[in-house]
Amino acid sequence: MPGTGTTVKMTKGYKGLRGEILEKTGSSYDLYVIKLENGIHLVAGPSAFVPREGEKEES
């Protein structure tokens, strides 16, 4: 389960875009709020992205 600040690469809808997990929602479906590199914030499940462990977004 990826944590807050984990860099991800989208595999569905926004395929190829990178983003950062901002938070895990309170949903029982393992949903995450993700900020994409193009500024869009979205809610996605774990099948919509690949976590890139060890990589953090620079502020």
Protein backbone atom coordinates (compact mmCIF):
# COMPACT_ATOMS: atom_id res chain seq x y z
CA MET A 1 0.00 0.00 0.00
CA PRO A 2 1.70 3.25 -1.15
CA GLY A 3 1.96 6.09 1.32
CA THR A 4 1.57 9.85 1.19
CA GLY A 5 4.21 11.51 -0.99
CA THR A 6 4.84 8.42 -3.13
CA THR A 7 5.45 9.23 -6.80
CA VAL A 8 3.23 7.27 -9.18
CA LYS A 9 2.93 6.73 -12.92
CA MET A 10 -0.63 6.46 -14.23
CA THR A 11 -1.59 3.33 -16.20
CA LYS A 12 -5.26 4.04 -17.00
CA GLY A 13 -7.13 7.19 -18.19
CA TYR A 14 -4.17 9.55 -17.75
CA LYS A 15 -1.69 6.92 -18.96
CA GLY A 16 1.96 7.92 -18.74
CA LEU A 17 1.49 10.98 -16.53
CA ARG A 18 3.34 11.09 -13.25
CA GLY A 19 1.82 12.27 -10.02
CA GLU A 20 2.09 12.21 -6.26
CA ILE A 21 -0.21 10.60 -3.72
CA LEU A 22 -1.57 13.34 -1.46
CA GLU A 23 -3.67 11.15 0.83
CA LYS A 24 -5.59 7.91 1.17
CA THR A 25 -9.35 8.39 1.32
CA GLY A 26 -11.52 6.93 4.05
CA SER A 27 -13.10 4.58 1.51
CA SER A 28 -13.04 0.83 2.00
CA TYR A 29 -12.06 0.53 -1.69
CA ASP A 30 -8.40 1.64 -1.30
CA LEU A 31 -8.83 4.98 -3.11
CA TYR A 32 -6.15 7.69 -3.19
CA VAL A 33 -6.16 11.42 -3.94
CA ILE A 34 -3.44 11.99 -6.54
CA LYS A 35 -2.01 15.27 -7.82
CA LEU A 36 -0.84 14.86 -11.42
CA GLU A 37 2.08 16.74 -12.96
CA ASN A 38 -0.38 18.77 -15.07
CA GLY A 39 -2.10 20.12 -11.93
CA ILE A 40 -5.19 17.90 -11.99
CA HIS A 41 -6.23 16.29 -8.70
CA LEU A 42 -8.09 13.01 -8.99
CA VAL A 43 -9.21 10.01 -6.97
CA ALA A 44 -7.96 6.66 -8.23
CA GLY A 45 -7.63 3.08 -7.11
CA PRO A 46 -4.41 1.06 -7.12
CA SER A 47 -5.12 -0.46 -10.54
CA ALA A 48 -4.89 3.02 -12.13
CA PHE A 49 -1.25 3.67 -11.21
CA VAL A 50 2.13 2.09 -10.54
CA PRO A 51 3.90 3.32 -7.41
CA ARG A 52 7.49 4.39 -7.97
CA GLU A 53 8.97 3.49 -4.58
CA GLY A 54 11.82 5.62 -3.31
CA GLU A 55 10.99 8.56 -5.58
CA LYS A 56 9.49 11.66 -4.00
CA GLU A 57 8.28 14.80 -5.73
CA GLU A 58 10.56 17.81 -5.21
CA SER A 59 8.86 20.86 -3.70
